[in-house]
Amino acid sequence: MSALVSILVPVASVAAAIVSGIVFIFSNTVMSALARRGAQEGAAAMVAINEVILNPTFVALFVGTGVVCLLAAAGAVITGHEARVLIVLGAATYLLGMLLVTGVVNVPLNDRLAEIPLGTEAAAAFWNHYLDRWSWWNTFRTVAGIVSALLFAFARSGG
C-alpha cells in the first residue's frame, strides 16, 4: 500500500495541476473574451463550450483526479505515511475546492444559462450575473487546484 501511495501522490499532484491549468484559462482569458462578445453571443458560446467540455477525456481527468486524490489520502492514512497530513489536505482541497464547487456552483449556473432563451432581457441580465458569479467561483477552483497540487508536491518531497 505504501508503494501505491508513492505512485498516487505525484500522479495526484500533476493531475490537479493540469485541471487547474484548464480552469485557469477560463478565468484568465475565455470569460473576458466572451464578455466582450455581448450577452447573446457570449452566452451562446459558453453554452457550446459547456457542451463540448463534457467529453470522455476531460471528464476522466477531472473526476479521475478526484478518485486518485481520495485513494492517495486513504492509503496515506491507512499506512501512516509520514506526509499523510499534507496528502489528506491536498485531497480535501481538490475534492472540496474543485469538485464540490463545480457541482454546487458552476454546473447549476451552466444549466441555468443553457435553459434561458437567448436574445431576451432575462438572458442578458442572467449573463451579467453568470459572468461575475461563475468567474469568481472558477478562480476559486483554480486556486484550490493549485493549492492541492502544491500540497501533493510538498508531500512527495518529504514535507
Protein backbone atom coordinates (compact mmCIF):
# COMPACT_ATOMS: atom_id res chain seq x y z
CA MET A 1 0.00 0.00 0.00
CA SER A 2 2.85 2.37 0.79
CA ALA A 3 4.29 1.83 -2.69
CA LEU A 4 0.88 2.63 -4.16
CA VAL A 5 0.74 5.90 -2.17
CA SER A 6 4.19 6.75 -3.54
CA ILE A 7 2.76 6.44 -7.05
CA LEU A 8 -0.59 8.12 -6.37
CA VAL A 9 0.84 11.26 -4.75
CA PRO A 10 2.83 12.53 -7.75
CA VAL A 11 0.01 11.49 -10.09
CA ALA A 12 -2.44 13.50 -7.97
CA SER A 13 -0.09 16.48 -7.97
CA VAL A 14 0.35 16.52 -11.75
CA ALA A 15 -3.32 15.81 -12.46
CA ALA A 16 -4.51 18.56 -10.09
CA ALA A 17 -2.07 20.96 -11.78
CA ILE A 18 -3.38 20.03 -15.24
CA VAL A 19 -7.01 20.51 -14.21
CA SER A 20 -6.07 23.82 -12.56
CA GLY A 21 -4.48 24.95 -15.80
CA ILE A 22 -7.64 24.13 -17.70
CA VAL A 23 -9.87 26.10 -15.34
CA PHE A 24 -7.29 28.91 -15.08
CA ILE A 25 -7.50 29.63 -18.79
CA PHE A 26 -11.20 30.37 -18.36
CA SER A 27 -10.60 32.88 -15.57
CA ASN A 28 -7.62 34.41 -17.31
CA THR A 29 -8.83 34.54 -20.91
CA VAL A 30 -12.02 32.82 -22.02
CA MET A 31 -14.53 34.62 -19.81
CA SER A 32 -13.12 38.06 -20.67
CA ALA A 33 -13.26 37.22 -24.36
CA LEU A 34 -16.86 36.04 -24.05
CA ALA A 35 -17.81 39.17 -22.10
CA ARG A 36 -16.56 41.29 -24.99
CA ARG A 37 -18.88 39.48 -27.39
CA GLY A 38 -22.04 40.71 -25.68
CA ALA A 39 -24.73 38.78 -23.85
CA GLN A 40 -26.24 36.83 -26.72
CA GLU A 41 -23.05 35.81 -28.48
CA GLY A 42 -21.10 35.28 -25.25
CA ALA A 43 -23.83 33.16 -23.67
CA ALA A 44 -24.25 31.09 -26.83
CA ALA A 45 -20.52 30.44 -27.00
CA MET A 46 -20.39 29.46 -23.32
CA VAL A 47 -23.29 27.05 -23.74
CA ALA A 48 -21.40 25.45 -26.66
CA ILE A 49 -18.20 25.25 -24.59
CA ASN A 50 -20.09 23.59 -21.74
CA GLU A 51 -21.47 21.00 -24.14
CA VAL A 52 -18.09 20.26 -25.71
CA ILE A 53 -16.08 20.11 -22.48
CA LEU A 54 -18.19 17.21 -21.23
CA ASN A 55 -16.15 14.78 -23.29
CA PRO A 56 -14.68 11.49 -22.02
CA THR A 57 -11.11 12.78 -21.82
CA PHE A 58 -11.92 15.85 -19.75
CA VAL A 59 -14.44 14.07 -17.51
CA ALA A 60 -11.97 11.23 -16.88
CA LEU A 61 -9.23 13.72 -15.99
CA PHE A 62 -11.46 15.94 -13.85
CA VAL A 63 -13.24 13.17 -11.91
CA GLY A 64 -10.33 10.74 -12.11
CA THR A 65 -8.12 13.26 -10.34
CA GLY A 66 -10.63 13.28 -7.50
CA VAL A 67 -10.51 9.48 -7.34
CA VAL A 68 -6.70 9.50 -7.30
CA CYS A 69 -6.73 12.14 -4.54
CA LEU A 70 -9.16 10.09 -2.48
CA LEU A 71 -7.15 6.88 -2.92
CA ALA A 72 -3.90 8.66 -2.05
CA ALA A 73 -5.42 10.11 1.12
CA ALA A 74 -6.96 6.80 2.19
CA GLY A 75 -3.71 4.96 1.51
CA ALA A 76 -1.69 7.55 3.41
CA VAL A 77 -3.96 7.32 6.44
CA ILE A 78 -4.08 3.51 6.39
CA THR A 79 -0.30 3.17 6.11
CA GLY A 80 0.51 6.00 8.50
CA HIS A 81 2.50 7.70 5.73
CA GLU A 82 4.81 10.37 7.15
CA ALA A 83 3.25 13.06 4.92
CA ARG A 84 -0.35 11.91 5.49
CA VAL A 85 -1.47 15.33 6.75
CA LEU A 86 -0.29 17.03 3.55
CA ILE A 87 -1.78 14.27 1.42
CA VAL A 88 -5.15 14.43 3.16
CA LEU A 89 -5.15 18.25 2.90
CA GLY A 90 -4.24 18.02 -0.79
CA ALA A 91 -7.07 15.58 -1.41
CA ALA A 92 -9.59 17.59 0.60
CA THR A 93 -8.62 20.78 -1.19
CA TYR A 94 -9.19 19.21 -4.61
CA LEU A 95 -12.35 17.36 -3.64
CA LEU A 96 -13.97 20.34 -1.92
CA GLY A 97 -12.46 23.25 -3.84
CA MET A 98 -12.64 21.77 -7.31
CA LEU A 99 -15.25 19.00 -7.44
CA LEU A 100 -17.73 20.23 -4.84
CA VAL A 101 -17.66 23.85 -6.03
CA THR A 102 -18.10 22.67 -9.60
CA GLY A 103 -21.13 20.59 -8.69
CA VAL A 104 -22.74 23.10 -6.35
CA VAL A 105 -22.00 26.38 -8.15
CA ASN A 106 -20.59 26.18 -11.68
CA VAL A 107 -22.68 23.33 -13.10
CA PRO A 108 -26.00 24.76 -11.86
CA LEU A 109 -25.05 28.13 -13.37
CA ASN A 110 -24.18 26.38 -16.64
CA ASP A 111 -27.50 24.53 -16.60
CA ARG A 112 -29.44 27.74 -15.96
CA LEU A 113 -27.58 29.53 -18.76
CA ALA A 114 -28.48 26.74 -21.18
CA GLU A 115 -32.18 26.97 -20.20
CA ILE A 116 -32.67 30.70 -20.79
CA PRO A 117 -33.80 31.65 -24.30
CA LEU A 118 -31.10 33.78 -25.91
CA GLY A 119 -31.93 37.27 -27.09
CA THR A 120 -34.26 38.06 -24.18
CA GLU A 121 -33.83 40.67 -21.45
CA ALA A 122 -33.77 37.83 -18.93
CA ALA A 123 -30.88 36.23 -20.80
CA ALA A 124 -28.89 39.48 -20.86
CA ALA A 125 -29.49 40.06 -17.16
CA PHE A 126 -28.56 36.49 -16.28
CA TRP A 127 -25.45 36.65 -18.47
CA ASN A 128 -24.08 39.55 -16.41
CA HIS A 129 -24.82 37.67 -13.18
CA TYR A 130 -23.36 34.50 -14.68
CA LEU A 131 -20.12 36.17 -15.74
CA ASP A 132 -19.48 37.59 -12.29
CA ARG A 133 -20.51 34.59 -10.20
CA TRP A 134 -19.19 31.84 -12.49
CA SER A 135 -15.85 33.62 -12.96
CA TRP A 136 -15.36 34.27 -9.24
CA TRP A 137 -16.00 30.65 -8.35
CA ASN A 138 -13.90 29.46 -11.27
CA THR A 139 -10.97 31.47 -9.95
CA PHE A 140 -11.62 29.90 -6.55
CA ARG A 141 -11.47 26.47 -8.20
CA THR A 142 -8.21 27.41 -9.89
CA VAL A 143 -6.61 28.41 -6.61
CA ALA A 144 -7.92 25.27 -4.88
CA GLY A 145 -6.46 23.08 -7.61
CA ILE A 146 -3.08 24.81 -7.44
CA VAL A 147 -3.00 24.52 -3.65
CA SER A 148 -3.90 20.85 -3.95
CA ALA A 149 -1.12 20.24 -6.48
CA LEU A 150 1.38 22.03 -4.23
CA LEU A 151 0.33 20.10 -1.14
CA PHE A 152 0.84 16.83 -3.00
CA ALA A 153 4.21 18.08 -4.31
CA PHE A 154 5.30 19.04 -0.80
CA ALA A 155 4.15 15.64 0.47
CA ARG A 156 6.21 13.96 -2.25
CA SER A 157 9.30 15.97 -1.35
CA GLY A 158 9.02 14.96 2.29
CA GLY A 159 7.01 17.92 3.57
